[in-house]
Structure formats: structure tokens, C-alpha cells
N, C-alpha and C. Protein backbone atom coordinates (compact mmCIF):
# COMPACT_ATOMS: atom_id res chain seq x y z
N MET A 1 0.83 -1.21 0.00
CA MET A 1 0.00 0.00 0.00
C MET A 1 0.87 1.26 0.00
N ASP A 2 1.99 1.23 0.75
CA ASP A 2 2.87 2.40 0.77
C ASP A 2 3.42 2.69 -0.62
N GLY A 3 3.72 1.61 -1.36
CA GLY A 3 4.21 1.79 -2.72
C GLY A 3 3.18 2.45 -3.61
N PHE A 4 1.91 2.13 -3.38
CA PHE A 4 0.85 2.73 -4.18
C PHE A 4 0.76 4.22 -3.92
N PHE A 5 0.82 4.61 -2.64
CA PHE A 5 0.74 6.04 -2.32
C PHE A 5 1.98 6.79 -2.81
N THR A 6 3.13 6.10 -2.84
CA THR A 6 4.31 6.72 -3.43
C THR A 6 4.09 6.98 -4.91
N TRP A 7 3.45 6.02 -5.57
CA TRP A 7 3.13 6.20 -6.99
C TRP A 7 2.20 7.38 -7.20
N ILE A 8 1.22 7.54 -6.30
CA ILE A 8 0.30 8.67 -6.39
C ILE A 8 1.06 9.98 -6.27
N GLN A 9 1.99 10.05 -5.31
CA GLN A 9 2.77 11.28 -5.13
C GLN A 9 3.65 11.55 -6.34
N ASP A 10 4.23 10.49 -6.91
CA ASP A 10 5.04 10.66 -8.11
C ASP A 10 4.19 11.17 -9.27
N ALA A 11 2.96 10.67 -9.35
CA ALA A 11 2.05 11.13 -10.41
C ALA A 11 1.72 12.61 -10.22
N ALA A 12 1.54 13.02 -8.96
CA ALA A 12 1.26 14.44 -8.69
C ALA A 12 2.44 15.31 -9.09
N ASP A 13 3.65 14.84 -8.78
CA ASP A 13 4.85 15.60 -9.18
C ASP A 13 4.94 15.71 -10.69
N TRP A 14 4.60 14.61 -11.38
CA TRP A 14 4.64 14.64 -12.84
C TRP A 14 3.62 15.63 -13.40
N LEU A 15 2.43 15.67 -12.79
CA LEU A 15 1.40 16.60 -13.25
C LEU A 15 1.87 18.05 -13.11
N LEU A 16 2.54 18.34 -12.00
CA LEU A 16 3.04 19.70 -11.80
C LEU A 16 4.11 20.05 -12.83
N ARG A 17 4.99 19.10 -13.11
CA ARG A 17 6.01 19.35 -14.12
C ARG A 17 5.38 19.53 -15.50
N PHE A 18 4.35 18.74 -15.77
CA PHE A 18 3.65 18.85 -17.05
C PHE A 18 2.98 20.22 -17.17
N ALA A 19 2.38 20.68 -16.06
CA ALA A 19 1.73 22.00 -16.08
C ALA A 19 2.75 23.11 -16.30
N GLN A 20 3.95 22.94 -15.74
CA GLN A 20 5.00 23.94 -15.95
C GLN A 20 5.45 23.99 -17.40
N ASP A 21 5.54 22.80 -18.03
CA ASP A 21 5.97 22.73 -19.43
C ASP A 21 4.86 23.11 -20.39
N HIS A 22 3.61 22.91 -19.96
CA HIS A 22 2.46 23.19 -20.82
C HIS A 22 1.43 24.01 -20.02
N PRO A 23 1.73 25.26 -19.73
CA PRO A 23 0.82 26.07 -18.90
C PRO A 23 -0.57 26.21 -19.50
N GLU A 24 -0.69 26.03 -20.82
CA GLU A 24 -2.01 26.12 -21.44
C GLU A 24 -2.93 24.98 -20.99
N ALA A 25 -2.34 23.91 -20.43
CA ALA A 25 -3.13 22.78 -19.95
C ALA A 25 -3.44 22.88 -18.46
N ALA A 26 -3.03 23.97 -17.82
CA ALA A 26 -3.20 24.11 -16.37
C ALA A 26 -4.67 24.04 -15.98
N PHE A 27 -5.55 24.62 -16.80
CA PHE A 27 -6.98 24.62 -16.45
C PHE A 27 -7.53 23.20 -16.47
N LEU A 28 -7.07 22.37 -17.42
CA LEU A 28 -7.55 20.99 -17.49
C LEU A 28 -7.05 20.17 -16.30
N ILE A 29 -5.79 20.37 -15.93
CA ILE A 29 -5.24 19.67 -14.77
C ILE A 29 -5.97 20.11 -13.51
N ALA A 30 -6.24 21.42 -13.39
CA ALA A 30 -6.96 21.93 -12.22
C ALA A 30 -8.34 21.29 -12.11
N PHE A 31 -9.01 21.14 -13.24
CA PHE A 31 -10.35 20.52 -13.25
C PHE A 31 -10.27 19.07 -12.78
N VAL A 32 -9.34 18.31 -13.34
CA VAL A 32 -9.24 16.88 -13.05
C VAL A 32 -8.89 16.63 -11.58
N VAL A 33 -7.89 17.34 -11.06
CA VAL A 33 -7.47 17.08 -9.68
C VAL A 33 -8.52 17.58 -8.69
N SER A 34 -9.22 18.66 -9.01
CA SER A 34 -10.28 19.15 -8.12
C SER A 34 -11.43 18.16 -8.09
N PHE A 35 -11.77 17.62 -9.25
CA PHE A 35 -12.83 16.61 -9.31
C PHE A 35 -12.42 15.38 -8.51
N GLY A 36 -11.19 14.90 -8.72
CA GLY A 36 -10.74 13.71 -8.02
C GLY A 36 -10.72 13.88 -6.52
N GLU A 37 -10.30 15.04 -6.05
CA GLU A 37 -10.23 15.27 -4.61
C GLU A 37 -11.62 15.45 -4.00
N SER A 38 -12.61 15.78 -4.80
CA SER A 38 -13.96 16.04 -4.29
C SER A 38 -14.91 14.86 -4.50
N PHE A 39 -14.46 13.83 -5.19
CA PHE A 39 -15.32 12.69 -5.49
C PHE A 39 -15.06 11.57 -4.49
N ALA A 40 -16.11 11.09 -3.84
CA ALA A 40 -15.98 10.06 -2.81
C ALA A 40 -15.30 8.82 -3.40
N GLY A 41 -14.33 8.31 -2.67
CA GLY A 41 -13.61 7.13 -3.12
C GLY A 41 -12.28 7.48 -3.76
N LEU A 42 -12.22 8.61 -4.45
CA LEU A 42 -10.98 9.07 -5.06
C LEU A 42 -10.27 10.11 -4.21
N SER A 43 -11.02 10.78 -3.36
CA SER A 43 -10.46 11.92 -2.63
C SER A 43 -9.30 11.52 -1.73
N PHE A 44 -9.29 10.27 -1.25
CA PHE A 44 -8.20 9.82 -0.38
C PHE A 44 -6.94 9.51 -1.18
N LEU A 45 -7.06 9.48 -2.50
CA LEU A 45 -5.94 9.10 -3.36
C LEU A 45 -5.36 10.26 -4.14
N VAL A 46 -6.16 11.31 -4.36
CA VAL A 46 -5.73 12.41 -5.22
C VAL A 46 -5.25 13.58 -4.37
N PRO A 47 -3.97 13.94 -4.44
CA PRO A 47 -3.43 15.07 -3.66
C PRO A 47 -3.74 16.40 -4.34
N GLY A 48 -5.03 16.66 -4.54
CA GLY A 48 -5.43 17.85 -5.29
C GLY A 48 -5.02 19.15 -4.65
N THR A 49 -5.05 19.21 -3.32
CA THR A 49 -4.68 20.44 -2.63
C THR A 49 -3.25 20.84 -2.96
N THR A 50 -2.33 19.89 -2.88
CA THR A 50 -0.93 20.17 -3.18
C THR A 50 -0.75 20.63 -4.62
N ILE A 51 -1.44 19.96 -5.54
CA ILE A 51 -1.29 20.30 -6.96
C ILE A 51 -1.85 21.68 -7.26
N LEU A 52 -3.00 22.03 -6.67
CA LEU A 52 -3.59 23.35 -6.93
C LEU A 52 -2.69 24.46 -6.38
N ILE A 53 -2.12 24.25 -5.21
CA ILE A 53 -1.18 25.25 -4.67
C ILE A 53 0.02 25.39 -5.61
N GLY A 54 0.50 24.25 -6.11
CA GLY A 54 1.62 24.28 -7.04
C GLY A 54 1.27 25.00 -8.33
N ILE A 55 0.06 24.80 -8.83
CA ILE A 55 -0.37 25.50 -10.05
C ILE A 55 -0.46 27.00 -9.79
N GLY A 56 -0.96 27.38 -8.61
CA GLY A 56 -1.02 28.80 -8.27
C GLY A 56 0.35 29.44 -8.27
N ALA A 57 1.33 28.73 -7.69
CA ALA A 57 2.71 29.24 -7.68
C ALA A 57 3.26 29.32 -9.10
N MET A 58 2.94 28.30 -9.92
CA MET A 58 3.43 28.29 -11.30
C MET A 58 2.89 29.47 -12.09
N LEU A 59 1.60 29.76 -11.92
CA LEU A 59 1.01 30.89 -12.63
C LEU A 59 1.68 32.20 -12.23
N ARG A 60 2.05 32.30 -10.95
CA ARG A 60 2.71 33.53 -10.50
C ARG A 60 4.13 33.61 -11.04
N VAL A 61 4.83 32.48 -11.06
CA VAL A 61 6.20 32.47 -11.59
C VAL A 61 6.21 32.89 -13.06
N LEU A 62 5.24 32.37 -13.82
CA LEU A 62 5.16 32.70 -15.24
C LEU A 62 4.62 34.11 -15.47
N ASP A 63 4.09 34.72 -14.38
CA ASP A 63 3.56 36.09 -14.46
C ASP A 63 2.53 36.21 -15.58
N VAL A 64 1.56 35.28 -15.58
CA VAL A 64 0.56 35.25 -16.65
C VAL A 64 -0.56 36.26 -16.43
N GLY A 65 -0.70 36.75 -15.19
CA GLY A 65 -1.73 37.74 -14.92
C GLY A 65 -3.10 37.13 -14.70
N LEU A 66 -4.07 38.01 -14.45
CA LEU A 66 -5.43 37.57 -14.14
C LEU A 66 -6.11 36.88 -15.31
N LEU A 67 -5.70 37.23 -16.54
CA LEU A 67 -6.35 36.66 -17.72
C LEU A 67 -6.25 35.14 -17.73
N ALA A 68 -5.11 34.60 -17.28
CA ALA A 68 -4.93 33.15 -17.23
C ALA A 68 -5.44 32.57 -15.91
N PHE A 69 -5.51 33.40 -14.86
CA PHE A 69 -5.97 32.90 -13.57
C PHE A 69 -7.44 32.52 -13.61
N TRP A 70 -8.26 33.32 -14.27
CA TRP A 70 -9.70 33.10 -14.26
C TRP A 70 -10.10 31.72 -14.79
N PRO A 71 -9.64 31.30 -15.98
CA PRO A 71 -10.06 29.97 -16.46
C PRO A 71 -9.57 28.83 -15.58
N VAL A 72 -8.37 28.98 -15.00
CA VAL A 72 -7.86 27.93 -14.11
C VAL A 72 -8.71 27.86 -12.85
N TRP A 73 -9.03 29.02 -12.30
CA TRP A 73 -9.87 29.06 -11.10
C TRP A 73 -11.24 28.46 -11.37
N LEU A 74 -11.88 28.87 -12.46
CA LEU A 74 -13.21 28.36 -12.78
C LEU A 74 -13.17 26.86 -13.06
N ALA A 75 -12.12 26.40 -13.74
CA ALA A 75 -12.00 24.97 -14.02
C ALA A 75 -11.87 24.18 -12.72
N ALA A 76 -11.06 24.68 -11.79
CA ALA A 76 -10.90 24.02 -10.49
C ALA A 76 -12.21 24.02 -9.72
N ALA A 77 -12.92 25.14 -9.75
CA ALA A 77 -14.19 25.24 -9.04
C ALA A 77 -15.23 24.29 -9.63
N VAL A 78 -15.32 24.24 -10.95
CA VAL A 78 -16.29 23.34 -11.61
C VAL A 78 -15.96 21.89 -11.29
N GLY A 79 -14.68 21.52 -11.31
CA GLY A 79 -14.30 20.16 -10.96
C GLY A 79 -14.71 19.81 -9.54
N ALA A 80 -14.50 20.74 -8.61
CA ALA A 80 -14.88 20.50 -7.22
C ALA A 80 -16.40 20.40 -7.07
N ILE A 81 -17.12 21.26 -7.77
CA ILE A 81 -18.59 21.23 -7.71
C ILE A 81 -19.12 19.89 -8.22
N LEU A 82 -18.62 19.46 -9.38
CA LEU A 82 -19.09 18.20 -9.96
C LEU A 82 -18.72 17.01 -9.08
N GLY A 83 -17.52 17.02 -8.49
CA GLY A 83 -17.12 15.92 -7.63
C GLY A 83 -18.06 15.75 -6.45
N ASP A 84 -18.37 16.85 -5.77
CA ASP A 84 -19.30 16.78 -4.64
C ASP A 84 -20.72 16.45 -5.09
N TRP A 85 -21.13 17.02 -6.23
CA TRP A 85 -22.48 16.79 -6.75
C TRP A 85 -22.69 15.32 -7.07
N ILE A 86 -21.73 14.70 -7.75
CA ILE A 86 -21.87 13.29 -8.10
C ILE A 86 -21.83 12.41 -6.85
N SER A 87 -20.99 12.79 -5.88
CA SER A 87 -20.96 12.05 -4.62
C SER A 87 -22.33 12.12 -3.94
N TYR A 88 -22.91 13.32 -3.92
CA TYR A 88 -24.25 13.51 -3.36
C TYR A 88 -25.27 12.66 -4.12
N TRP A 89 -25.17 12.65 -5.46
CA TRP A 89 -26.12 11.90 -6.28
C TRP A 89 -26.05 10.41 -5.98
N PHE A 90 -24.83 9.88 -5.84
CA PHE A 90 -24.68 8.46 -5.53
C PHE A 90 -25.34 8.13 -4.20
N GLY A 91 -25.12 8.98 -3.19
CA GLY A 91 -25.75 8.75 -1.90
C GLY A 91 -27.26 8.83 -1.97
N HIS A 92 -27.76 9.81 -2.72
CA HIS A 92 -29.21 10.00 -2.86
C HIS A 92 -29.84 8.86 -3.66
N ARG A 93 -29.11 8.35 -4.64
CA ARG A 93 -29.64 7.31 -5.52
C ARG A 93 -29.61 5.93 -4.88
N TYR A 94 -28.52 5.62 -4.21
CA TYR A 94 -28.34 4.26 -3.70
C TYR A 94 -28.50 4.14 -2.19
N HIS A 95 -28.73 5.24 -1.50
CA HIS A 95 -28.97 5.23 -0.05
C HIS A 95 -27.82 4.52 0.68
N GLU A 96 -28.16 3.73 1.70
CA GLU A 96 -27.12 3.07 2.49
C GLU A 96 -26.34 2.04 1.70
N HIS A 97 -26.90 1.57 0.58
CA HIS A 97 -26.21 0.55 -0.22
C HIS A 97 -24.90 1.08 -0.79
N VAL A 98 -24.81 2.40 -0.94
CA VAL A 98 -23.58 2.97 -1.50
C VAL A 98 -22.38 2.70 -0.59
N LEU A 99 -22.65 2.51 0.70
CA LEU A 99 -21.57 2.27 1.65
C LEU A 99 -20.96 0.88 1.48
N ASP A 100 -21.67 0.01 0.74
CA ASP A 100 -21.15 -1.33 0.47
C ASP A 100 -20.46 -1.43 -0.88
N MET A 101 -20.44 -0.32 -1.62
CA MET A 101 -19.81 -0.32 -2.94
C MET A 101 -18.31 -0.05 -2.82
N TRP A 102 -17.57 -0.58 -3.80
CA TRP A 102 -16.14 -0.28 -3.88
C TRP A 102 -15.98 1.06 -4.57
N PRO A 103 -15.07 1.93 -4.16
CA PRO A 103 -14.11 1.75 -3.05
C PRO A 103 -14.61 2.32 -1.72
N VAL A 104 -15.88 2.77 -1.68
CA VAL A 104 -16.38 3.43 -0.48
C VAL A 104 -16.32 2.50 0.73
N ARG A 105 -16.57 1.21 0.50
CA ARG A 105 -16.60 0.27 1.64
C ARG A 105 -15.26 0.16 2.35
N LYS A 106 -14.19 0.60 1.69
CA LYS A 106 -12.87 0.56 2.33
C LYS A 106 -12.71 1.66 3.37
N TYR A 107 -13.64 2.62 3.38
CA TYR A 107 -13.50 3.79 4.26
C TYR A 107 -14.71 3.94 5.18
N ARG A 108 -15.14 2.83 5.76
CA ARG A 108 -16.34 2.86 6.60
C ARG A 108 -16.17 3.77 7.82
N ASP A 109 -15.00 3.75 8.43
CA ASP A 109 -14.79 4.59 9.62
C ASP A 109 -14.92 6.06 9.26
N GLN A 110 -14.34 6.45 8.11
CA GLN A 110 -14.45 7.84 7.67
C GLN A 110 -15.90 8.22 7.39
N MET A 111 -16.66 7.28 6.83
CA MET A 111 -18.07 7.55 6.53
C MET A 111 -18.88 7.75 7.81
N LYS A 112 -18.60 6.96 8.82
CA LYS A 112 -19.30 7.12 10.10
C LYS A 112 -18.98 8.47 10.72
N THR A 113 -17.71 8.86 10.65
CA THR A 113 -17.31 10.16 11.18
C THR A 113 -17.98 11.29 10.41
N ALA A 114 -18.03 11.15 9.08
CA ALA A 114 -18.68 12.16 8.24
C ALA A 114 -20.16 12.27 8.54
N LEU A 115 -20.81 11.14 8.81
CA LEU A 115 -22.23 11.16 9.13
C LEU A 115 -22.49 11.90 10.43
N ARG A 116 -21.66 11.66 11.44
CA ARG A 116 -21.82 12.38 12.71
C ARG A 116 -21.59 13.88 12.50
N PHE A 117 -20.61 14.23 11.69
CA PHE A 117 -20.32 15.63 11.40
C PHE A 117 -21.51 16.28 10.70
N PHE A 118 -22.10 15.57 9.75
CA PHE A 118 -23.25 16.10 9.01
C PHE A 118 -24.47 16.23 9.92
N GLU A 119 -24.71 15.25 10.76
CA GLU A 119 -25.86 15.30 11.66
C GLU A 119 -25.76 16.47 12.62
N ARG A 120 -24.55 16.85 12.97
CA ARG A 120 -24.37 17.96 13.91
C ARG A 120 -24.51 19.32 13.23
N TRP A 121 -23.95 19.46 12.01
CA TRP A 121 -23.86 20.77 11.39
C TRP A 121 -24.82 20.98 10.22
N GLY A 122 -25.43 19.94 9.71
CA GLY A 122 -26.38 20.11 8.62
C GLY A 122 -25.76 20.70 7.38
N VAL A 123 -26.42 21.69 6.79
CA VAL A 123 -25.94 22.28 5.54
C VAL A 123 -24.56 22.91 5.70
N TRP A 124 -24.25 23.39 6.90
CA TRP A 124 -22.94 23.98 7.13
C TRP A 124 -21.83 22.94 7.01
N ALA A 125 -22.17 21.68 7.22
CA ALA A 125 -21.17 20.62 7.08
C ALA A 125 -20.66 20.54 5.65
N ILE A 126 -21.53 20.84 4.68
CA ILE A 126 -21.12 20.82 3.27
C ILE A 126 -20.10 21.92 3.03
N PHE A 127 -20.39 23.10 3.54
CA PHE A 127 -19.50 24.25 3.32
C PHE A 127 -18.19 24.07 4.08
N ILE A 128 -18.28 23.78 5.37
CA ILE A 128 -17.08 23.66 6.20
C ILE A 128 -16.24 22.45 5.77
N GLY A 129 -16.93 21.36 5.45
CA GLY A 129 -16.23 20.13 5.08
C GLY A 129 -15.35 20.29 3.86
N ARG A 130 -15.69 21.24 2.99
CA ARG A 130 -14.87 21.48 1.79
C ARG A 130 -13.43 21.81 2.17
N PHE A 131 -13.24 22.46 3.31
CA PHE A 131 -11.91 22.90 3.71
C PHE A 131 -11.23 21.93 4.67
N MET A 132 -11.85 20.78 4.88
CA MET A 132 -11.31 19.76 5.78
C MET A 132 -11.16 18.47 4.99
N GLY A 133 -9.91 18.10 4.70
CA GLY A 133 -9.62 16.98 3.83
C GLY A 133 -10.47 15.73 4.03
N PRO A 134 -10.57 15.20 5.26
CA PRO A 134 -11.33 13.96 5.45
C PRO A 134 -12.82 14.09 5.13
N PHE A 135 -13.37 15.30 5.15
CA PHE A 135 -14.80 15.49 4.94
C PHE A 135 -15.15 16.01 3.55
N ARG A 136 -14.15 16.36 2.75
CA ARG A 136 -14.40 17.05 1.48
C ARG A 136 -15.35 16.27 0.57
N ALA A 137 -15.16 14.97 0.47
CA ALA A 137 -16.00 14.16 -0.41
C ALA A 137 -16.95 13.26 0.35
N THR A 138 -16.61 12.93 1.60
CA THR A 138 -17.46 12.00 2.35
C THR A 138 -18.75 12.65 2.83
N VAL A 139 -18.69 13.92 3.23
CA VAL A 139 -19.90 14.59 3.72
C VAL A 139 -20.95 14.72 2.62
N PRO A 140 -20.61 15.13 1.38
CA PRO A 140 -21.63 15.15 0.33
C PRO A 140 -22.27 13.78 0.10
N LEU A 141 -21.47 12.72 0.20
CA LEU A 141 -22.03 11.38 0.01
C LEU A 141 -23.05 11.05 1.08
N VAL A 142 -22.70 11.27 2.35
CA VAL A 142 -23.65 10.96 3.42
C VAL A 142 -24.82 11.93 3.42
N ALA A 143 -24.62 13.15 2.91
CA ALA A 143 -25.74 14.09 2.77
C ALA A 143 -26.76 13.53 1.79
N GLY A 144 -26.28 12.90 0.72
CA GLY A 144 -27.20 12.26 -0.21
C GLY A 144 -27.91 11.09 0.42
N VAL A 145 -27.18 10.28 1.17
CA VAL A 145 -27.79 9.14 1.86
C VAL A 145 -28.88 9.63 2.81
N ALA A 146 -28.63 10.77 3.48
CA ALA A 146 -29.59 11.33 4.43
C ALA A 146 -30.72 12.09 3.75
N ARG A 147 -30.73 12.11 2.40
CA ARG A 147 -31.77 12.79 1.63
C ARG A 147 -31.82 14.29 1.90
N MET A 148 -30.67 14.92 1.99
CA MET A 148 -30.64 16.37 2.12
C MET A 148 -31.27 17.00 0.89
N LYS A 149 -31.99 18.10 1.07
CA LYS A 149 -32.64 18.77 -0.04
C LYS A 149 -31.60 19.29 -1.04
N PHE A 150 -31.99 19.25 -2.32
CA PHE A 150 -31.06 19.52 -3.42
C PHE A 150 -30.50 20.93 -3.38
N TRP A 151 -31.34 21.96 -3.30
CA TRP A 151 -30.85 23.33 -3.44
C TRP A 151 -30.01 23.81 -2.26
N PRO A 152 -30.38 23.50 -1.02
CA PRO A 152 -29.46 23.86 0.07
C PRO A 152 -28.09 23.22 -0.10
N PHE A 153 -28.09 21.96 -0.57
CA PHE A 153 -26.80 21.30 -0.82
C PHE A 153 -26.01 22.04 -1.89
N GLN A 154 -26.67 22.38 -3.00
CA GLN A 154 -25.96 23.00 -4.11
C GLN A 154 -25.45 24.39 -3.77
N ILE A 155 -26.21 25.14 -3.00
CA ILE A 155 -25.75 26.47 -2.60
C ILE A 155 -24.45 26.36 -1.79
N ALA A 156 -24.44 25.43 -0.82
CA ALA A 156 -23.23 25.23 -0.02
C ALA A 156 -22.11 24.65 -0.87
N ASN A 157 -22.46 23.76 -1.78
CA ASN A 157 -21.47 23.13 -2.65
C ASN A 157 -20.79 24.15 -3.56
N ILE A 158 -21.57 24.95 -4.26
CA ILE A 158 -21.02 25.89 -5.23
C ILE A 158 -20.23 27.00 -4.54
N SER A 159 -20.80 27.58 -3.49
CA SER A 159 -20.12 28.69 -2.81
C SER A 159 -18.80 28.24 -2.20
N SER A 160 -18.79 27.07 -1.58
CA SER A 160 -17.55 26.59 -0.95
C SER A 160 -16.51 26.22 -2.00
N ALA A 161 -16.96 25.67 -3.14
CA ALA A 161 -16.01 25.30 -4.20
C ALA A 161 -15.32 26.52 -4.78
N LEU A 162 -16.06 27.60 -4.98
CA LEU A 162 -15.47 28.83 -5.51
C LEU A 162 -14.42 29.39 -4.56
N ILE A 163 -14.73 29.39 -3.27
CA ILE A 163 -13.80 29.94 -2.28
C ILE A 163 -12.60 29.01 -2.10
N TRP A 164 -12.85 27.72 -2.02
CA TRP A 164 -11.78 26.74 -1.80
C TRP A 164 -10.75 26.77 -2.93
N SER A 165 -11.23 26.72 -4.16
CA SER A 165 -10.30 26.69 -5.30
C SER A 165 -9.51 27.99 -5.42
N ALA A 166 -10.18 29.12 -5.22
CA ALA A 166 -9.47 30.40 -5.28
C ALA A 166 -8.44 30.51 -4.16
N SER A 167 -8.79 30.03 -2.98
CA SER A 167 -7.87 30.12 -1.84
C SER A 167 -6.58 29.35 -2.09
N LEU A 168 -6.70 28.14 -2.65
CA LEU A 168 -5.51 27.33 -2.89
C LEU A 168 -4.63 27.93 -3.97
N LEU A 169 -5.24 28.39 -5.06
CA LEU A 169 -4.46 29.00 -6.13
C LEU A 169 -3.76 30.27 -5.65
N LEU A 170 -4.49 31.09 -4.89
CA LEU A 170 -3.90 32.33 -4.38
C LEU A 170 -2.84 32.04 -3.33
N LEU A 171 -3.03 30.98 -2.55
CA LEU A 171 -2.02 30.59 -1.57
C LEU A 171 -0.70 30.27 -2.26
N GLY A 172 -0.78 29.56 -3.37
CA GLY A 172 0.43 29.26 -4.13
C GLY A 172 1.08 30.51 -4.68
N ALA A 173 0.26 31.42 -5.22
CA ALA A 173 0.79 32.66 -5.79
C ALA A 173 1.41 33.56 -4.73
N VAL A 174 0.69 33.76 -3.63
CA VAL A 174 1.19 34.61 -2.55
C VAL A 174 2.42 33.98 -1.90
N GLY A 175 2.40 32.66 -1.77
CA GLY A 175 3.55 31.97 -1.18
C GLY A 175 4.81 32.19 -1.99
N TRP A 176 4.68 32.18 -3.32
CA TRP A 176 5.85 32.42 -4.17
C TRP A 176 6.37 33.84 -4.00
N ASP A 177 5.45 34.81 -3.94
CA ASP A 177 5.87 36.20 -3.72
C ASP A 177 6.58 36.35 -2.38
N ALA A 178 6.08 35.65 -1.36
CA ALA A 178 6.70 35.73 -0.03
C ALA A 178 8.12 35.17 -0.06
N ILE A 179 8.30 34.08 -0.79
CA ILE A 179 9.64 33.48 -0.89
C ILE A 179 10.60 34.44 -1.58
N LYS A 180 10.15 35.08 -2.67
CA LYS A 180 11.02 36.02 -3.38
C LYS A 180 11.39 37.20 -2.49
N THR A 181 10.41 37.72 -1.75
CA THR A 181 10.68 38.85 -0.87
C THR A 181 11.66 38.46 0.24
N ALA A 182 11.42 37.29 0.82
CA ALA A 182 12.30 36.83 1.90
C ALA A 182 13.73 36.64 1.39
N TRP A 183 13.86 36.16 0.18
CA TRP A 183 15.19 35.91 -0.39
C TRP A 183 16.00 37.20 -0.51
N HIS A 184 15.31 38.29 -0.82
CA HIS A 184 16.00 39.56 -1.03
C HIS A 184 16.27 40.31 0.28
N TRP A 185 15.37 40.15 1.27
CA TRP A 185 15.44 41.01 2.44
C TRP A 185 15.87 40.33 3.73
N LEU A 186 15.62 39.05 3.88
CA LEU A 186 15.96 38.40 5.15
C LEU A 186 17.43 38.02 5.19
N PRO A 187 18.06 38.12 6.38
CA PRO A 187 19.45 37.67 6.52
C PRO A 187 19.53 36.15 6.40
N GLY A 188 20.74 35.66 6.25
CA GLY A 188 20.94 34.24 6.02
C GLY A 188 20.37 33.37 7.12
N TRP A 189 20.58 33.77 8.40
CA TRP A 189 20.10 32.94 9.49
C TRP A 189 18.57 32.85 9.50
N ALA A 190 17.91 33.94 9.11
CA ALA A 190 16.45 33.93 9.07
C ALA A 190 15.95 33.02 7.95
N MET A 191 16.65 33.04 6.82
CA MET A 191 16.27 32.14 5.73
C MET A 191 16.44 30.69 6.15
N ALA A 192 17.49 30.42 6.94
CA ALA A 192 17.72 29.05 7.42
C ALA A 192 16.57 28.61 8.33
N LEU A 193 16.15 29.52 9.23
CA LEU A 193 15.02 29.20 10.11
C LEU A 193 13.75 28.98 9.30
N LEU A 194 13.55 29.80 8.27
CA LEU A 194 12.38 29.65 7.42
C LEU A 194 12.40 28.30 6.72
N ALA A 195 13.57 27.91 6.24
CA ALA A 195 13.70 26.62 5.55
C ALA A 195 13.38 25.47 6.50
N VAL A 196 13.89 25.57 7.74
CA VAL A 196 13.61 24.53 8.74
C VAL A 196 12.11 24.47 9.03
N ALA A 197 11.47 25.63 9.16
CA ALA A 197 10.03 25.68 9.43
C ALA A 197 9.24 25.02 8.29
N ILE A 198 9.67 25.29 7.06
CA ILE A 198 8.98 24.69 5.91
C ILE A 198 9.13 23.17 5.93
N VAL A 199 10.35 22.70 6.20
CA VAL A 199 10.60 21.26 6.24
C VAL A 199 9.76 20.61 7.34
N LEU A 200 9.73 21.23 8.52
CA LEU A 200 8.93 20.69 9.61
C LEU A 200 7.45 20.68 9.25
N GLY A 201 7.00 21.73 8.55
CA GLY A 201 5.61 21.77 8.12
C GLY A 201 5.28 20.64 7.16
N VAL A 202 6.19 20.37 6.23
CA VAL A 202 5.98 19.28 5.28
C VAL A 202 5.94 17.94 6.00
N VAL A 203 6.87 17.74 6.94
CA VAL A 203 6.90 16.49 7.70
C VAL A 203 5.62 16.32 8.51
N PHE A 204 5.18 17.40 9.17
CA PHE A 204 3.96 17.34 9.96
C PHE A 204 2.76 17.01 9.08
N HIS A 205 2.71 17.64 7.89
CA HIS A 205 1.61 17.39 6.95
C HIS A 205 1.59 15.92 6.52
N ARG A 206 2.78 15.38 6.23
CA ARG A 206 2.85 13.98 5.81
C ARG A 206 2.45 13.04 6.94
N ARG A 207 2.77 13.39 8.18
CA ARG A 207 2.38 12.55 9.31
C ARG A 207 0.86 12.52 9.46
N ILE A 208 0.23 13.67 9.25
CA ILE A 208 -1.23 13.72 9.34
C ILE A 208 -1.85 12.84 8.27
N ILE A 209 -1.32 12.94 7.04
CA ILE A 209 -1.84 12.12 5.94
C ILE A 209 -1.64 10.64 6.24
N ALA A 210 -0.45 10.29 6.76
CA ALA A 210 -0.16 8.90 7.07
C ALA A 210 -1.10 8.37 8.15
N ALA A 211 -1.40 9.22 9.14
CA ALA A 211 -2.32 8.81 10.21
C ALA A 211 -3.72 8.58 9.65
N ALA A 212 -4.13 9.47 8.72
CA ALA A 212 -5.46 9.31 8.11
C ALA A 212 -5.52 8.03 7.30
N ARG A 213 -4.44 7.72 6.58
CA ARG A 213 -4.41 6.49 5.79
C ARG A 213 -4.43 5.27 6.69
N GLY A 214 -3.80 5.40 7.87
CA GLY A 214 -3.77 4.28 8.78
C GLY A 214 -5.15 3.86 9.25
N LEU A 215 -6.10 4.79 9.23
CA LEU A 215 -7.46 4.46 9.63
C LEU A 215 -8.11 3.50 8.67
N THR A 216 -7.60 3.45 7.43
CA THR A 216 -8.23 2.60 6.42
C THR A 216 -7.67 1.18 6.46
N HIS A 217 -6.60 0.94 7.22
CA HIS A 217 -5.97 -0.38 7.22
C HIS A 217 -6.69 -1.32 8.19
């Protein structure tokens, strides 16, 4: 299983390199990874958050301006909307039986947690869950199983997707600007501390992901 997740990470790195070499395809990559991260069953496998941040940084490095940002942002948002919408549809169509389907049945613990989260927060769970990795795709699925009304779901789905996708792309762009500024103005020791902080952040992030994956074993 570890080898499989390594392959997934390698695929994500390849996608970022491909986007750098072919920036005109960035909107298509943004759509695909946003859909994958928002679709139940695939969301645990697709590192869409990392890729979208990387695309945001790439757009800033290339200095393409807002003209290129808009289609990438909209493509990412549409992918996220469709991913949650289809997850909701599966839950609404197949009810509890969807929990016995592959690959959803591999994540029963996550589904139970998502159901408790949804029962507590209702429509807000759709909006808030978008920004919380474990709930991004599972909450829409259980919302469908619980027969949540269509339009309240879609309002939360669409609004959160627009904000989520823009936030990640802008985070990548702003992060790149911050690195350039720090490189010019911070002394060497401060840059070293910043580098250590970044490394620790990456390690901490990977530990969280590993712990989440451990729940599926």
C-alpha cells in the first residue's frame, strides 16, 4: 500500500512538471485534480490540494496575470462542484447501499465520522467540510444518503467550491511572492530558520496524511 501512495505522489509531481511545461493545460489539470479530490472514493488518493497550490505558484512564476488565472480558477471550481455533486447523487440514488460499494466500503470509519459531522452541522457541514480533507468528499455522500434537499446542498457546494479553489491558487501565488521577498530582504540565518520551518511543516503534513491512511488499514 505504501508503494501505491508513493506512486500517487510521483504522479502528482509529474502533473506539476507537465503543467509547468504546458501552462495552457493548467486549467484541465486543475479541473481533473479538483474533481478527483472532491469525489468520494478518489479523494483519499488524489493530492489535489498540493497540486492546486503548485499550479497557483506556477502561474505567479510565469507572471501570466489575471487573464490566465480566471479559467484555471473556474476549471478548479467546476471540478470541485461536480465531484461533490456526483458524490451527493450516488448517496441519494443508492442510499445506504452505497456504503457497500467499492471503493467506499474501504473507508467505513471515515463515513461514520462524516455522518456524525453532518448530523451535527447540517448544511454547514457541506460548506465547512470542503476545507477539511477527510470530509471534502465524504460529507456530500452521506448528505445524499440522508436525503438532504437539493438546493441547500448545491448552494453550499457551489459557494464553498469557488472559495476553496481560489484560496488554494492564491495561496500558491502569494507563497511564491513571499519566498522572493524573503530571499532579497531576510538575513541568512532567518532564511535558514524559514527553511527549517517549511521542512517541519511538510513532515507534519505527511504525518497527518499517514495517520489518516492508517485508519483505512
